[in-house]
Amino acid sequence: MQTRITLIGKAGCHLCDTARETVAKVAAELGVGWVEYDINDDPRLKEDYWDTIPVTLVDGRAHDFWRVDENRLRAALTASEPGPEAGSDL
């Protein structure tokens, strides 16, 4: 299963908890992989995303921040096949 969704957040963040539930639901429905990174584990992620977590990337490109819209995420994943940059190399 190819990883197409990246979730960037942190522990103790209620918006991140909600985003995680949404990402897991949509990923399971569509059979796509996803990965989660904690900004506290990576200084670069913390610098880049601290003010906007949770952040979602689809196929390596910025998708949503603060709140994940289930329908918008589903549409992004079904609109096109993943490109060569799909996945995450964070």
N, C-alpha and C. Protein backbone atom coordinates (compact mmCIF):
# COMPACT_ATOMS: atom_id res chain seq x y z
N MET A 1 0.85 -1.18 0.00
CA MET A 1 0.00 0.00 0.00
C MET A 1 0.90 1.24 0.00
N GLN A 2 0.71 2.08 -0.97
CA GLN A 2 1.51 3.28 -1.09
C GLN A 2 1.03 4.35 -0.12
N THR A 3 1.99 5.00 0.55
CA THR A 3 1.66 6.09 1.47
C THR A 3 1.35 7.33 0.65
N ARG A 4 0.12 7.84 0.79
CA ARG A 4 -0.28 9.03 0.04
C ARG A 4 -0.60 10.20 0.95
N ILE A 5 -0.85 9.92 2.23
CA ILE A 5 -1.23 10.98 3.17
C ILE A 5 -0.17 11.07 4.26
N THR A 6 0.25 12.29 4.55
CA THR A 6 1.15 12.55 5.67
C THR A 6 0.41 13.49 6.62
N LEU A 7 0.40 13.12 7.89
CA LEU A 7 -0.20 13.96 8.93
C LEU A 7 0.92 14.42 9.84
N ILE A 8 0.99 15.72 10.05
CA ILE A 8 1.99 16.30 10.94
C ILE A 8 1.25 16.94 12.10
N GLY A 9 1.58 16.52 13.31
CA GLY A 9 0.90 17.04 14.50
C GLY A 9 1.76 16.84 15.72
N LYS A 10 1.10 16.70 16.87
CA LYS A 10 1.81 16.43 18.12
C LYS A 10 0.85 15.85 19.13
N ALA A 11 1.41 15.21 20.13
CA ALA A 11 0.60 14.64 21.21
C ALA A 11 -0.04 15.78 22.01
N GLY A 12 -1.23 15.52 22.52
CA GLY A 12 -1.92 16.50 23.35
C GLY A 12 -2.60 17.60 22.57
N CYS A 13 -2.73 17.45 21.28
CA CYS A 13 -3.36 18.45 20.41
C CYS A 13 -4.73 17.91 19.99
N HIS A 14 -5.80 18.53 20.48
CA HIS A 14 -7.13 17.99 20.17
C HIS A 14 -7.47 18.08 18.68
N LEU A 15 -7.00 19.10 17.99
CA LEU A 15 -7.23 19.17 16.55
C LEU A 15 -6.48 18.05 15.83
N CYS A 16 -5.31 17.71 16.34
CA CYS A 16 -4.53 16.60 15.76
C CYS A 16 -5.25 15.28 15.96
N ASP A 17 -5.87 15.10 17.12
CA ASP A 17 -6.63 13.87 17.38
C ASP A 17 -7.79 13.73 16.40
N THR A 18 -8.50 14.83 16.17
CA THR A 18 -9.61 14.82 15.22
C THR A 18 -9.11 14.56 13.80
N ALA A 19 -8.02 15.22 13.44
CA ALA A 19 -7.44 15.02 12.11
C ALA A 19 -7.02 13.57 11.91
N ARG A 20 -6.42 12.98 12.93
CA ARG A 20 -5.98 11.58 12.85
C ARG A 20 -7.16 10.66 12.58
N GLU A 21 -8.27 10.89 13.26
CA GLU A 21 -9.47 10.08 13.05
C GLU A 21 -9.97 10.21 11.61
N THR A 22 -10.00 11.44 11.11
CA THR A 22 -10.47 11.68 9.74
C THR A 22 -9.55 11.04 8.72
N VAL A 23 -8.26 11.24 8.88
CA VAL A 23 -7.29 10.66 7.95
C VAL A 23 -7.39 9.14 7.96
N ALA A 24 -7.45 8.54 9.13
CA ALA A 24 -7.54 7.08 9.24
C ALA A 24 -8.80 6.56 8.55
N LYS A 25 -9.91 7.25 8.75
CA LYS A 25 -11.18 6.83 8.14
C LYS A 25 -11.11 6.87 6.62
N VAL A 26 -10.68 8.01 6.08
CA VAL A 26 -10.64 8.17 4.62
C VAL A 26 -9.60 7.22 4.01
N ALA A 27 -8.45 7.10 4.64
CA ALA A 27 -7.42 6.20 4.13
C ALA A 27 -7.92 4.76 4.08
N ALA A 28 -8.62 4.33 5.11
CA ALA A 28 -9.16 2.97 5.14
C ALA A 28 -10.21 2.77 4.06
N GLU A 29 -11.08 3.76 3.88
CA GLU A 29 -12.12 3.67 2.85
C GLU A 29 -11.52 3.51 1.45
N LEU A 30 -10.44 4.26 1.20
CA LEU A 30 -9.86 4.29 -0.15
C LEU A 30 -8.69 3.33 -0.32
N GLY A 31 -8.29 2.69 0.76
CA GLY A 31 -7.18 1.75 0.67
C GLY A 31 -5.84 2.39 0.39
N VAL A 32 -5.62 3.57 0.96
CA VAL A 32 -4.33 4.25 0.79
C VAL A 32 -3.60 4.28 2.13
N GLY A 33 -2.29 4.34 2.04
CA GLY A 33 -1.48 4.40 3.25
C GLY A 33 -1.32 5.82 3.74
N TRP A 34 -1.01 5.91 5.04
CA TRP A 34 -0.74 7.22 5.61
C TRP A 34 0.31 7.07 6.71
N VAL A 35 0.98 8.16 6.99
CA VAL A 35 2.02 8.18 8.00
C VAL A 35 1.84 9.45 8.83
N GLU A 36 2.26 9.37 10.09
CA GLU A 36 2.14 10.53 10.98
C GLU A 36 3.50 10.86 11.56
N TYR A 37 3.81 12.16 11.63
CA TYR A 37 5.03 12.65 12.24
C TYR A 37 4.68 13.61 13.35
N ASP A 38 5.42 13.53 14.46
CA ASP A 38 5.26 14.44 15.59
C ASP A 38 6.27 15.57 15.43
N ILE A 39 5.80 16.80 15.44
CA ILE A 39 6.71 17.94 15.22
C ILE A 39 7.76 18.05 16.32
N ASN A 40 7.49 17.49 17.48
CA ASN A 40 8.46 17.55 18.57
C ASN A 40 9.65 16.62 18.34
N ASP A 41 9.54 15.73 17.38
CA ASP A 41 10.63 14.80 17.08
C ASP A 41 11.55 15.29 15.97
N ASP A 42 11.21 16.41 15.35
CA ASP A 42 11.99 16.90 14.22
C ASP A 42 12.02 18.42 14.24
N PRO A 43 13.18 19.02 14.53
CA PRO A 43 13.26 20.49 14.61
C PRO A 43 12.80 21.20 13.34
N ARG A 44 13.05 20.59 12.18
CA ARG A 44 12.63 21.22 10.92
C ARG A 44 11.12 21.26 10.81
N LEU A 45 10.47 20.15 11.16
CA LEU A 45 9.00 20.13 11.13
C LEU A 45 8.43 21.13 12.12
N LYS A 46 9.04 21.20 13.30
CA LYS A 46 8.56 22.14 14.32
C LYS A 46 8.66 23.57 13.81
N GLU A 47 9.77 23.90 13.19
CA GLU A 47 9.96 25.25 12.66
C GLU A 47 8.96 25.55 11.54
N ASP A 48 8.75 24.59 10.66
CA ASP A 48 7.90 24.81 9.49
C ASP A 48 6.41 24.80 9.81
N TYR A 49 5.98 23.99 10.79
CA TYR A 49 4.55 23.74 10.94
C TYR A 49 3.96 24.06 12.32
N TRP A 50 4.76 24.55 13.25
CA TRP A 50 4.27 24.75 14.62
C TRP A 50 2.95 25.50 14.69
N ASP A 51 2.80 26.56 13.95
CA ASP A 51 1.60 27.40 14.03
C ASP A 51 0.41 26.87 13.25
N THR A 52 0.59 25.79 12.50
CA THR A 52 -0.50 25.35 11.63
C THR A 52 -0.92 23.90 11.85
N ILE A 53 -0.38 23.22 12.87
CA ILE A 53 -0.77 21.82 13.08
C ILE A 53 -2.22 21.70 13.50
N PRO A 54 -2.83 20.62 13.10
CA PRO A 54 -2.31 19.56 12.27
C PRO A 54 -2.25 19.98 10.80
N VAL A 55 -1.27 19.43 10.12
CA VAL A 55 -1.08 19.68 8.69
C VAL A 55 -1.18 18.35 7.97
N THR A 56 -1.88 18.34 6.85
CA THR A 56 -1.91 17.13 6.02
C THR A 56 -1.27 17.44 4.67
N LEU A 57 -0.54 16.45 4.19
CA LEU A 57 0.03 16.49 2.85
C LEU A 57 -0.57 15.33 2.08
N VAL A 58 -0.88 15.55 0.83
CA VAL A 58 -1.35 14.49 -0.05
C VAL A 58 -0.34 14.37 -1.18
N ASP A 59 0.21 13.19 -1.32
CA ASP A 59 1.24 12.94 -2.34
C ASP A 59 2.39 13.93 -2.21
N GLY A 60 2.74 14.26 -0.97
CA GLY A 60 3.88 15.13 -0.71
C GLY A 60 3.62 16.61 -0.85
N ARG A 61 2.39 16.99 -1.17
CA ARG A 61 2.04 18.40 -1.34
C ARG A 61 1.09 18.85 -0.23
N ALA A 62 1.24 20.10 0.21
CA ALA A 62 0.37 20.65 1.25
C ALA A 62 -1.09 20.50 0.85
N HIS A 63 -1.90 20.08 1.80
CA HIS A 63 -3.31 19.88 1.52
C HIS A 63 -4.19 20.71 2.46
N ASP A 64 -4.12 20.46 3.75
CA ASP A 64 -4.95 21.17 4.74
C ASP A 64 -4.12 21.47 5.97
N PHE A 65 -4.59 22.44 6.75
CA PHE A 65 -4.02 22.67 8.07
C PHE A 65 -5.14 23.07 9.01
N TRP A 66 -4.89 22.92 10.30
CA TRP A 66 -5.81 23.14 11.40
C TRP A 66 -6.95 22.13 11.42
N ARG A 67 -7.72 22.05 10.37
CA ARG A 67 -8.83 21.09 10.32
C ARG A 67 -8.78 20.33 8.99
N VAL A 68 -9.05 19.05 9.07
CA VAL A 68 -9.05 18.22 7.86
C VAL A 68 -10.49 18.01 7.44
N ASP A 69 -10.82 18.47 6.25
CA ASP A 69 -12.16 18.28 5.71
C ASP A 69 -12.22 16.91 5.03
N GLU A 70 -13.06 16.04 5.55
CA GLU A 70 -13.14 14.66 5.06
C GLU A 70 -13.44 14.60 3.56
N ASN A 71 -14.41 15.37 3.11
CA ASN A 71 -14.80 15.33 1.70
C ASN A 71 -13.70 15.89 0.80
N ARG A 72 -13.04 16.94 1.25
CA ARG A 72 -11.95 17.53 0.46
C ARG A 72 -10.78 16.56 0.37
N LEU A 73 -10.47 15.87 1.46
CA LEU A 73 -9.39 14.89 1.45
C LEU A 73 -9.72 13.74 0.51
N ARG A 74 -10.93 13.24 0.60
CA ARG A 74 -11.37 12.15 -0.27
C ARG A 74 -11.27 12.57 -1.74
N ALA A 75 -11.72 13.79 -2.04
CA ALA A 75 -11.68 14.29 -3.42
C ALA A 75 -10.24 14.40 -3.93
N ALA A 76 -9.34 14.87 -3.09
CA ALA A 76 -7.94 15.00 -3.50
C ALA A 76 -7.33 13.65 -3.81
N LEU A 77 -7.72 12.65 -3.05
CA LEU A 77 -7.16 11.31 -3.24
C LEU A 77 -7.75 10.59 -4.43
N THR A 78 -8.96 10.93 -4.81
CA THR A 78 -9.61 10.26 -5.93
C THR A 78 -9.49 11.05 -7.23
N ALA A 79 -9.05 12.30 -7.17
CA ALA A 79 -8.97 13.15 -8.35
C ALA A 79 -7.90 12.69 -9.33
N SER A 80 -6.83 12.15 -8.81
CA SER A 80 -5.74 11.73 -9.69
C SER A 80 -4.95 10.62 -9.03
N GLU A 81 -4.23 9.92 -9.86
CA GLU A 81 -3.35 8.87 -9.35
C GLU A 81 -2.12 9.54 -8.74
N PRO A 82 -1.49 8.88 -7.80
CA PRO A 82 -0.29 9.46 -7.19
C PRO A 82 0.83 9.62 -8.21
N GLY A 83 1.54 10.72 -8.10
CA GLY A 83 2.67 10.97 -8.98
C GLY A 83 3.94 10.36 -8.41
N PRO A 84 5.07 10.60 -9.07
CA PRO A 84 6.33 10.03 -8.61
C PRO A 84 6.76 10.57 -7.26
N GLU A 85 6.25 11.75 -6.87
CA GLU A 85 6.62 12.33 -5.59
C GLU A 85 5.72 11.86 -4.46
N ALA A 86 4.80 10.96 -4.74
CA ALA A 86 3.88 10.47 -3.72
C ALA A 86 4.65 9.84 -2.58
N GLY A 87 4.03 9.90 -1.44
CA GLY A 87 4.67 9.38 -0.24
C GLY A 87 5.36 10.51 0.48
N SER A 88 6.16 10.16 1.43
CA SER A 88 6.80 11.19 2.22
C SER A 88 8.26 10.86 2.44
N ASP A 89 9.08 11.85 2.28
CA ASP A 89 10.49 11.65 2.58
C ASP A 89 10.92 12.68 3.61
N LEU A 90 10.03 12.97 4.56
CA LEU A 90 10.33 13.94 5.60
C LEU A 90 11.45 13.46 6.48
